[in-house]
Amino acid sequence: MMDEVLFFDTLRQGLWVGLIISLPILTVALLAGVSIGLIQALTSIQEMTLTFVPKLAAIGAIFWLSMGYMTQTLVSFFHDRIIPLVIGG
């Protein structure tokens, strides 16, 4: 039987892994959004596709580049934390 401390510690580690995994994509989305917004403000161009397409391309590129890191982080969390809990270790 899993006690509360073990449950909340596993939940905390899972949330931390989720944050670490999503951080590269969120950072690139923030930087792309701010830079495109600054360019739009300086040039007075208010085109909706100008904000969407470059941000989507940047997110896709950083996802492709960091996919191995994200997968390895998630797999190591499952191997080190979740699977031992499931088998009762």
PDB file of N, CA and C in Angstrom:
ATOM      1  N   MET A   1       0.841  -1.186   0.000  1.00  0.00           N
ATOM      2  CA  MET A   1       0.000   0.000   0.000  1.00  0.00           C
ATOM      3  C   MET A   1       0.884   1.247   0.000  1.00  0.00           C
ATOM      4  N   MET A   2       0.556   2.201  -0.836  1.00  0.00           N
ATOM      5  CA  MET A   2       1.353   3.414  -0.952  1.00  0.00           C
ATOM      6  C   MET A   2       0.864   4.436   0.073  1.00  0.00           C
ATOM      7  N   ASP A   3       1.789   4.947   0.884  1.00  0.00           N
ATOM      8  CA  ASP A   3       1.386   5.962   1.849  1.00  0.00           C
ATOM      9  C   ASP A   3       1.376   7.341   1.186  1.00  0.00           C
ATOM     10  N   GLU A   4       0.882   8.329   1.923  1.00  0.00           N
ATOM     11  CA  GLU A   4       0.703   9.665   1.362  1.00  0.00           C
ATOM     12  C   GLU A   4       2.029  10.331   0.991  1.00  0.00           C
ATOM     13  N   VAL A   5       3.049  10.130   1.789  1.00  0.00           N
ATOM     14  CA  VAL A   5       4.336  10.770   1.523  1.00  0.00           C
ATOM     15  C   VAL A   5       4.913  10.272   0.204  1.00  0.00           C
ATOM     16  N   LEU A   6       4.855   8.978  -0.017  1.00  0.00           N
ATOM     17  CA  LEU A   6       5.365   8.400  -1.257  1.00  0.00           C
ATOM     18  C   LEU A   6       4.544   8.864  -2.454  1.00  0.00           C
ATOM     19  N   PHE A   7       3.232   8.944  -2.275  1.00  0.00           N
ATOM     20  CA  PHE A   7       2.354   9.406  -3.348  1.00  0.00           C
ATOM     21  C   PHE A   7       2.662  10.845  -3.733  1.00  0.00           C
ATOM     22  N   PHE A   8       2.743  11.728  -2.743  1.00  0.00           N
ATOM     23  CA  PHE A   8       2.982  13.137  -3.039  1.00  0.00           C
ATOM     24  C   PHE A   8       4.403  13.383  -3.536  1.00  0.00           C
ATOM     25  N   ASP A   9       5.357  12.588  -3.079  1.00  0.00           N
ATOM     26  CA  ASP A   9       6.718  12.717  -3.597  1.00  0.00           C
ATOM     27  C   ASP A   9       6.788  12.292  -5.060  1.00  0.00           C
ATOM     28  N   THR A  10       6.106  11.216  -5.406  1.00  0.00           N
ATOM     29  CA  THR A  10       6.051  10.769  -6.799  1.00  0.00           C
ATOM     30  C   THR A  10       5.317  11.783  -7.662  1.00  0.00           C
ATOM     31  N   LEU A  11       4.240  12.346  -7.144  1.00  0.00           N
ATOM     32  CA  LEU A  11       3.498  13.375  -7.870  1.00  0.00           C
ATOM     33  C   LEU A  11       4.361  14.614  -8.091  1.00  0.00           C
ATOM     34  N   ARG A  12       5.114  15.023  -7.073  1.00  0.00           N
ATOM     35  CA  ARG A  12       6.000  16.180  -7.191  1.00  0.00           C
ATOM     36  C   ARG A  12       7.076  15.926  -8.243  1.00  0.00           C
ATOM     37  N   GLN A  13       7.660  14.733  -8.221  1.00  0.00           N
ATOM     38  CA  GLN A  13       8.684  14.413  -9.217  1.00  0.00           C
ATOM     39  C   GLN A  13       8.091  14.347 -10.623  1.00  0.00           C
ATOM     40  N   GLY A  14       6.881  13.837 -10.748  1.00  0.00           N
ATOM     41  CA  GLY A  14       6.229  13.790 -12.058  1.00  0.00           C
ATOM     42  C   GLY A  14       5.940  15.176 -12.599  1.00  0.00           C
ATOM     43  N   LEU A  15       5.497  16.082 -11.739  1.00  0.00           N
ATOM     44  CA  LEU A  15       5.268  17.457 -12.173  1.00  0.00           C
ATOM     45  C   LEU A  15       6.575  18.146 -12.552  1.00  0.00           C
ATOM     46  N   TRP A  16       7.637  17.850 -11.812  1.00  0.00           N
ATOM     47  CA  TRP A  16       8.947  18.427 -12.134  1.00  0.00           C
ATOM     48  C   TRP A  16       9.442  17.917 -13.485  1.00  0.00           C
ATOM     49  N   VAL A  17       9.278  16.620 -13.747  1.00  0.00           N
ATOM     50  CA  VAL A  17       9.681  16.061 -15.043  1.00  0.00           C
ATOM     51  C   VAL A  17       8.858  16.694 -16.166  1.00  0.00           C
ATOM     52  N   GLY A  18       7.568  16.887 -15.939  1.00  0.00           N
ATOM     53  CA  GLY A  18       6.726  17.545 -16.940  1.00  0.00           C
ATOM     54  C   GLY A  18       7.181  18.962 -17.229  1.00  0.00           C
ATOM     55  N   LEU A  19       7.583  19.683 -16.192  1.00  0.00           N
ATOM     56  CA  LEU A  19       8.089  21.039 -16.380  1.00  0.00           C
ATOM     57  C   LEU A  19       9.400  21.035 -17.147  1.00  0.00           C
ATOM     58  N   ILE A  20      10.298  20.147 -16.780  1.00  0.00           N
ATOM     59  CA  ILE A  20      11.602  20.067 -17.446  1.00  0.00           C
ATOM     60  C   ILE A  20      11.435  19.679 -18.920  1.00  0.00           C
ATOM     61  N   ILE A  21      10.521  18.776 -19.192  1.00  0.00           N
ATOM     62  CA  ILE A  21      10.295  18.341 -20.576  1.00  0.00           C
ATOM     63  C   ILE A  21       9.695  19.465 -21.423  1.00  0.00           C
ATOM     64  N   SER A  22       8.787  20.241 -20.849  1.00  0.00           N
ATOM     65  CA  SER A  22       8.108  21.274 -21.637  1.00  0.00           C
ATOM     66  C   SER A  22       8.875  22.586 -21.707  1.00  0.00           C
ATOM     67  N   LEU A  23       9.914  22.741 -20.903  1.00  0.00           N
ATOM     68  CA  LEU A  23      10.635  24.012 -20.839  1.00  0.00           C
ATOM     69  C   LEU A  23      11.263  24.451 -22.166  1.00  0.00           C
ATOM     70  N   PRO A  24      11.910  23.580 -22.950  1.00  0.00           N
ATOM     71  CA  PRO A  24      12.469  24.065 -24.226  1.00  0.00           C
ATOM     72  C   PRO A  24      11.406  24.600 -25.192  1.00  0.00           C
ATOM     73  N   ILE A  25      10.285  23.920 -25.287  1.00  0.00           N
ATOM     74  CA  ILE A  25       9.231  24.352 -26.206  1.00  0.00           C
ATOM     75  C   ILE A  25       8.597  25.656 -25.727  1.00  0.00           C
ATOM     76  N   LEU A  26       8.339  25.752 -24.431  1.00  0.00           N
ATOM     77  CA  LEU A  26       7.731  26.975 -23.912  1.00  0.00           C
ATOM     78  C   LEU A  26       8.664  28.178 -24.034  1.00  0.00           C
ATOM     79  N   THR A  27       9.958  27.954 -23.839  1.00  0.00           N
ATOM     80  CA  THR A  27      10.924  29.042 -23.968  1.00  0.00           C
ATOM     81  C   THR A  27      11.001  29.547 -25.400  1.00  0.00           C
ATOM     82  N   VAL A  28      11.051  28.634 -26.349  1.00  0.00           N
ATOM     83  CA  VAL A  28      11.108  29.040 -27.756  1.00  0.00           C
ATOM     84  C   VAL A  28       9.817  29.737 -28.170  1.00  0.00           C
ATOM     85  N   ALA A  29       8.672  29.242 -27.707  1.00  0.00           N
ATOM     86  CA  ALA A  29       7.401  29.893 -28.035  1.00  0.00           C
ATOM     87  C   ALA A  29       7.350  31.310 -27.463  1.00  0.00           C
ATOM     88  N   LEU A  30       7.858  31.489 -26.246  1.00  0.00           N
ATOM     89  CA  LEU A  30       7.881  32.815 -25.640  1.00  0.00           C
ATOM     90  C   LEU A  30       8.805  33.757 -26.402  1.00  0.00           C
ATOM     91  N   LEU A  31      10.015  33.287 -26.691  1.00  0.00           N
ATOM     92  CA  LEU A  31      10.969  34.140 -27.403  1.00  0.00           C
ATOM     93  C   LEU A  31      10.487  34.486 -28.812  1.00  0.00           C
ATOM     94  N   ALA A  32       9.914  33.516 -29.505  1.00  0.00           N
ATOM     95  CA  ALA A  32       9.399  33.776 -30.854  1.00  0.00           C
ATOM     96  C   ALA A  32       8.226  34.748 -30.805  1.00  0.00           C
ATOM     97  N   GLY A  33       7.335  34.568 -29.840  1.00  0.00           N
ATOM     98  CA  GLY A  33       6.186  35.465 -29.724  1.00  0.00           C
ATOM     99  C   GLY A  33       6.579  36.892 -29.401  1.00  0.00           C
ATOM    100  N   VAL A  34       7.528  37.051 -28.483  1.00  0.00           N
ATOM    101  CA  VAL A  34       7.969  38.401 -28.123  1.00  0.00           C
ATOM    102  C   VAL A  34       8.705  39.065 -29.277  1.00  0.00           C
ATOM    103  N   SER A  35       9.575  38.323 -29.936  1.00  0.00           N
ATOM    104  CA  SER A  35      10.320  38.936 -31.042  1.00  0.00           C
ATOM    105  C   SER A  35       9.411  39.276 -32.217  1.00  0.00           C
ATOM    106  N   ILE A  36       8.472  38.419 -32.536  1.00  0.00           N
ATOM    107  CA  ILE A  36       7.544  38.715 -33.638  1.00  0.00           C
ATOM    108  C   ILE A  36       6.628  39.876 -33.261  1.00  0.00           C
ATOM    109  N   GLY A  37       6.206  39.912 -32.011  1.00  0.00           N
ATOM    110  CA  GLY A  37       5.387  41.034 -31.556  1.00  0.00           C
ATOM    111  C   GLY A  37       6.145  42.345 -31.608  1.00  0.00           C
ATOM    112  N   LEU A  38       7.421  42.308 -31.268  1.00  0.00           N
ATOM    113  CA  LEU A  38       8.244  43.515 -31.352  1.00  0.00           C
ATOM    114  C   LEU A  38       8.412  43.970 -32.797  1.00  0.00           C
ATOM    115  N   ILE A  39       8.637  43.018 -33.691  1.00  0.00           N
ATOM    116  CA  ILE A  39       8.764  43.363 -35.111  1.00  0.00           C
ATOM    117  C   ILE A  39       7.448  43.939 -35.637  1.00  0.00           C
ATOM    118  N   GLN A  40       6.334  43.362 -35.230  1.00  0.00           N
ATOM    119  CA  GLN A  40       5.035  43.880 -35.665  1.00  0.00           C
ATOM    120  C   GLN A  40       4.786  45.279 -35.126  1.00  0.00           C
ATOM    121  N   ALA A  41       5.199  45.521 -33.882  1.00  0.00           N
ATOM    122  CA  ALA A  41       4.995  46.853 -33.309  1.00  0.00           C
ATOM    123  C   ALA A  41       5.880  47.891 -33.986  1.00  0.00           C
ATOM    124  N   LEU A  42       7.087  47.500 -34.354  1.00  0.00           N
ATOM    125  CA  LEU A  42       8.002  48.451 -34.997  1.00  0.00           C
ATOM    126  C   LEU A  42       7.613  48.759 -36.434  1.00  0.00           C
ATOM    127  N   THR A  43       7.049  47.780 -37.130  1.00  0.00           N
ATOM    128  CA  THR A  43       6.716  47.971 -38.542  1.00  0.00           C
ATOM    129  C   THR A  43       5.236  48.254 -38.789  1.00  0.00           C
ATOM    130  N   SER A  44       4.424  48.183 -37.773  1.00  0.00           N
ATOM    131  CA  SER A  44       2.967  48.394 -37.866  1.00  0.00           C
ATOM    132  C   SER A  44       2.291  47.410 -38.810  1.00  0.00           C
ATOM    133  N   ILE A  45       2.842  46.221 -38.920  1.00  0.00           N
ATOM    134  CA  ILE A  45       2.227  45.157 -39.718  1.00  0.00           C
ATOM    135  C   ILE A  45       1.415  44.291 -38.767  1.00  0.00           C
ATOM    136  N   GLN A  46       0.118  44.192 -39.008  1.00  0.00           N
ATOM    137  CA  GLN A  46      -0.758  43.415 -38.134  1.00  0.00           C
ATOM    138  C   GLN A  46      -1.365  42.242 -38.902  1.00  0.00           C
ATOM    139  N   GLU A  47      -0.536  41.319 -39.297  1.00  0.00           N
ATOM    140  CA  GLU A  47      -0.977  40.134 -40.035  1.00  0.00           C
ATOM    141  C   GLU A  47      -0.998  38.947 -39.088  1.00  0.00           C
ATOM    142  N   MET A  48      -2.098  38.218 -39.024  1.00  0.00           N
ATOM    143  CA  MET A  48      -2.236  37.106 -38.082  1.00  0.00           C
ATOM    144  C   MET A  48      -1.320  35.936 -38.426  1.00  0.00           C
ATOM    145  N   THR A  49      -1.137  35.674 -39.722  1.00  0.00           N
ATOM    146  CA  THR A  49      -0.268  34.553 -40.092  1.00  0.00           C
ATOM    147  C   THR A  49       1.191  34.849 -39.788  1.00  0.00           C
ATOM    148  N   LEU A  50       1.542  36.115 -39.673  1.00  0.00           N
ATOM    149  CA  LEU A  50       2.916  36.481 -39.342  1.00  0.00           C
ATOM    150  C   LEU A  50       3.276  36.055 -37.923  1.00  0.00           C
ATOM    151  N   THR A  51       2.305  35.992 -37.036  1.00  0.00           N
ATOM    152  CA  THR A  51       2.592  35.525 -35.675  1.00  0.00           C
ATOM    153  C   THR A  51       2.513  34.013 -35.576  1.00  0.00           C
ATOM    154  N   PHE A  52       1.619  33.408 -36.319  1.00  0.00           N
ATOM    155  CA  PHE A  52       1.359  31.974 -36.160  1.00  0.00           C
ATOM    156  C   PHE A  52       2.399  31.095 -36.834  1.00  0.00           C
ATOM    157  N   VAL A  53       2.720  31.371 -38.073  1.00  0.00           N
ATOM    158  CA  VAL A  53       3.585  30.488 -38.857  1.00  0.00           C
ATOM    159  C   VAL A  53       5.024  30.429 -38.327  1.00  0.00           C
ATOM    160  N   PRO A  54       5.694  31.550 -38.046  1.00  0.00           N
ATOM    161  CA  PRO A  54       7.055  31.430 -37.510  1.00  0.00           C
ATOM    162  C   PRO A  54       7.107  30.783 -36.123  1.00  0.00           C
ATOM    163  N   LYS A  55       6.101  31.068 -35.298  1.00  0.00           N
ATOM    164  CA  LYS A  55       6.070  30.458 -33.972  1.00  0.00           C
ATOM    165  C   LYS A  55       5.869  28.954 -34.089  1.00  0.00           C
ATOM    166  N   LEU A  56       5.002  28.525 -34.981  1.00  0.00           N
ATOM    167  CA  LEU A  56       4.779  27.103 -35.196  1.00  0.00           C
ATOM    168  C   LEU A  56       6.034  26.428 -35.745  1.00  0.00           C
ATOM    169  N   ALA A  57       6.727  27.095 -36.650  1.00  0.00           N
ATOM    170  CA  ALA A  57       7.964  26.537 -37.200  1.00  0.00           C
ATOM    171  C   ALA A  57       9.046  26.431 -36.134  1.00  0.00           C
ATOM    172  N   ALA A  58       9.167  27.443 -35.278  1.00  0.00           N
ATOM    173  CA  ALA A  58      10.162  27.408 -34.210  1.00  0.00           C
ATOM    174  C   ALA A  58       9.851  26.314 -33.201  1.00  0.00           C
ATOM    175  N   ILE A  59       8.588  26.159 -32.856  1.00  0.00           N
ATOM    176  CA  ILE A  59       8.192  25.105 -31.914  1.00  0.00           C
ATOM    177  C   ILE A  59       8.445  23.731 -32.521  1.00  0.00           C
ATOM    178  N   GLY A  60       8.107  23.564 -33.787  1.00  0.00           N
ATOM    179  CA  GLY A  60       8.366  22.281 -34.453  1.00  0.00           C
ATOM    180  C   GLY A  60       9.844  21.949 -34.515  1.00  0.00           C
ATOM    181  N   ALA A  61      10.671  22.946 -34.802  1.00  0.00           N
ATOM    182  CA  ALA A  61      12.115  22.716 -34.880  1.00  0.00           C
ATOM    183  C   ALA A  61      12.698  22.352 -33.521  1.00  0.00           C
ATOM    184  N   ILE A  62      12.315  23.068 -32.475  1.00  0.00           N
ATOM    185  CA  ILE A  62      12.875  22.775 -31.155  1.00  0.00           C
ATOM    186  C   ILE A  62      12.331  21.460 -30.620  1.00  0.00           C
ATOM    187  N   PHE A  63      11.115  21.102 -30.985  1.00  0.00           N
ATOM    188  CA  PHE A  63      10.586  19.800 -30.586  1.00  0.00           C
ATOM    189  C   PHE A  63      11.389  18.690 -31.247  1.00  0.00           C
ATOM    190  N   TRP A  64      11.685  18.854 -32.523  1.00  0.00           N
ATOM    191  CA  TRP A  64      12.455  17.843 -33.235  1.00  0.00           C
ATOM    192  C   TRP A  64      13.865  17.730 -32.664  1.00  0.00           C
ATOM    193  N   LEU A  65      14.478  18.870 -32.312  1.00  0.00           N
ATOM    194  CA  LEU A  65      15.831  18.852 -31.769  1.00  0.00           C
ATOM    195  C   LEU A  65      15.901  18.282 -30.352  1.00  0.00           C
ATOM    196  N   SER A  66      14.880  18.504 -29.553  1.00  0.00           N
ATOM    197  CA  SER A  66      14.929  18.062 -28.152  1.00  0.00           C
ATOM    198  C   SER A  66      14.111  16.804 -27.889  1.00  0.00           C
ATOM    199  N   MET A  67      13.654  16.142 -28.929  1.00  0.00           N
ATOM    200  CA  MET A  67      12.830  14.938 -28.763  1.00  0.00           C
ATOM    201  C   MET A  67      13.579  13.825 -28.032  1.00  0.00           C
ATOM    202  N   GLY A  68      14.847  13.626 -28.335  1.00  0.00           N
ATOM    203  CA  GLY A  68      15.631  12.589 -27.671  1.00  0.00           C
ATOM    204  C   GLY A  68      15.795  12.871 -26.186  1.00  0.00           C
ATOM    205  N   TYR A  69      16.066  14.142 -25.852  1.00  0.00           N
ATOM    206  CA  TYR A  69      16.202  14.529 -24.445  1.00  0.00           C
ATOM    207  C   TYR A  69      14.892  14.326 -23.686  1.00  0.00           C
ATOM    208  N   MET A  70      13.796  14.723 -24.297  1.00  0.00           N
ATOM    209  CA  MET A  70      12.490  14.571 -23.648  1.00  0.00           C
ATOM    210  C   MET A  70      12.158  13.097 -23.423  1.00  0.00           C
ATOM    211  N   THR A  71      12.403  12.285 -24.432  1.00  0.00           N
ATOM    212  CA  THR A  71      12.123  10.858 -24.317  1.00  0.00           C
ATOM    213  C   THR A  71      12.994  10.213 -23.251  1.00  0.00           C
ATOM    214  N   GLN A  72      14.270  10.535 -23.243  1.00  0.00           N
ATOM    215  CA  GLN A  72      15.182   9.954 -22.259  1.00  0.00           C
ATOM    216  C   GLN A  72      14.805  10.372 -20.839  1.00  0.00           C
ATOM    217  N   THR A  73      14.401  11.615 -20.645  1.00  0.00           N
ATOM    218  CA  THR A  73      13.999  12.088 -19.325  1.00  0.00           C
ATOM    219  C   THR A  73      12.753  11.359 -18.841  1.00  0.00           C
ATOM    220  N   LEU A  74      11.776  11.206 -19.715  1.00  0.00           N
ATOM    221  CA  LEU A  74      10.538  10.531 -19.339  1.00  0.00           C
ATOM    222  C   LEU A  74      10.759   9.046 -19.090  1.00  0.00           C
ATOM    223  N   VAL A  75      11.552   8.397 -19.920  1.00  0.00           N
ATOM    224  CA  VAL A  75      11.830   6.972 -19.743  1.00  0.00           C
ATOM    225  C   VAL A  75      12.603   6.723 -18.458  1.00  0.00           C
ATOM    226  N   SER A  76      13.575   7.581 -18.155  1.00  0.00           N
ATOM    227  CA  SER A  76      14.329   7.389 -16.910  1.00  0.00           C
ATOM    228  C   SER A  76      13.450   7.620 -15.690  1.00  0.00           C
ATOM    229  N   PHE A  77      12.491   8.552 -15.769  1.00  0.00           N
ATOM    230  CA  PHE A  77      11.553   8.737 -14.659  1.00  0.00           C
ATOM    231  C   PHE A  77      10.708   7.491 -14.437  1.00  0.00           C
ATOM    232  N   PHE A  78      10.225   6.897 -15.527  1.00  0.00           N
ATOM    233  CA  PHE A  78       9.417   5.691 -15.397  1.00  0.00           C
ATOM    234  C   PHE A  78      10.240   4.520 -14.879  1.00  0.00           C
ATOM    235  N   HIS A  79      11.461   4.373 -15.379  1.00  0.00           N
ATOM    236  CA  HIS A  79      12.296   3.256 -14.935  1.00  0.00           C
ATOM    237  C   HIS A  79      12.736   3.412 -13.485  1.00  0.00           C
ATOM    238  N   ASP A  80      13.045   4.638 -13.089  1.00  0.00           N
ATOM    239  CA  ASP A  80      13.574   4.851 -11.744  1.00  0.00           C
ATOM    240  C   ASP A  80      12.489   5.002 -10.687  1.00  0.00           C
ATOM    241  N   ARG A  81      11.314   5.504 -11.080  1.00  0.00           N
ATOM    242  CA  ARG A  81      10.317   5.824 -10.059  1.00  0.00           C
ATOM    243  C   ARG A  81       9.025   5.019 -10.203  1.00  0.00           C
ATOM    244  N   ILE A  82       8.423   4.991 -11.358  1.00  0.00           N
ATOM    245  CA  ILE A  82       7.085   4.427 -11.515  1.00  0.00           C
ATOM    246  C   ILE A  82       7.115   2.904 -11.524  1.00  0.00           C
ATOM    247  N   ILE A  83       7.996   2.304 -12.303  1.00  0.00           N
ATOM    248  CA  ILE A  83       8.025   0.837 -12.402  1.00  0.00           C
ATOM    249  C   ILE A  83       8.341   0.190 -11.063  1.00  0.00           C
ATOM    250  N   PRO A  84       9.305   0.696 -10.256  1.00  0.00           N
ATOM    251  CA  PRO A  84       9.496   0.093  -8.935  1.00  0.00           C
ATOM    252  C   PRO A  84       8.262   0.203  -8.032  1.00  0.00           C
ATOM    253  N   LEU A  85       7.480   1.266  -8.188  1.00  0.00           N
ATOM    254  CA  LEU A  85       6.255   1.379  -7.395  1.00  0.00           C
ATOM    255  C   LEU A  85       5.208   0.354  -7.844  1.00  0.00           C
ATOM    256  N   VAL A  86       5.155   0.108  -9.155  1.00  0.00           N
ATOM    257  CA  VAL A  86       4.159  -0.832  -9.683  1.00  0.00           C
ATOM    258  C   VAL A  86       4.490  -2.268  -9.240  1.00  0.00           C
ATOM    259  N   ILE A  87       5.785  -2.623  -9.291  1.00  0.00           N
ATOM    260  CA  ILE A  87       6.140  -3.988  -8.921  1.00  0.00           C
ATOM    261  C   ILE A  87       6.312  -4.154  -7.416  1.00  0.00           C
ATOM    262  N   GLY A  88       6.207  -3.043  -6.685  1.00  0.00           N
ATOM    263  CA  GLY A  88       6.253  -3.131  -5.223  1.00  0.00           C
ATOM    264  C   GLY A  88       7.645  -3.104  -4.636  1.00  0.00           C
ATOM    265  N   GLY A  89       8.595  -2.508  -5.341  1.00  0.00           N
ATOM    266  CA  GLY A  89       9.984  -2.499  -4.881  1.00  0.00           C
ATOM    267  C   GLY A  89      10.352  -1.348  -4.056  1.00  0.00           C
TER     268      GLY A  89
END
